[in-house]
Amino acid sequence: QVVNAYIFRRFNSDVPYKFEQQTVGWTPRLDGSLMIEHEIIVKDSVVARMVLGVRNTILQHMRQKVTETLTSLWGTPIDFRIWVRPLKQRLSKSDLAKIGDGKPDRVKAFMSRTSTKENIVR
């Protein structure tokens, strides 16, 4: 719920409705801390880039805020790990403009450079 609340505060309009989220696992550690792994699943790579932000800044800020909130609520140190996984790759309009003619070899090369298959913030 903490992740969901952060995303609804951070994004306006329909972006929060374009993804699913799930907790992948909870791992208690010997030092008393708790590692939580969380995944945000979005419909395509364009939405993934919106959720990540420039240089993953939005996701890093979300991780920091969720960690602080859960640590204060539960009174135990939290190691919160979060990543974004797009269900498919799609080029945005600006990506298509950068490619130009859209020849298959150029599109494939561009997609391999800008892939957001999995961006993990630790």
Foldseek 3Di string as FASTA:
>chain_A
DLLLVLVPVVDDDCLSVQWDKDWPDWDQDPVREIETEMEIEGAEDVSQCVCQDDVNPNVQVSQVVVQVVVCVVVVHHYHYKYKYAHPYYDDDPVRCVVLPPPDPVSVVVSCVVPPRHIDMDD
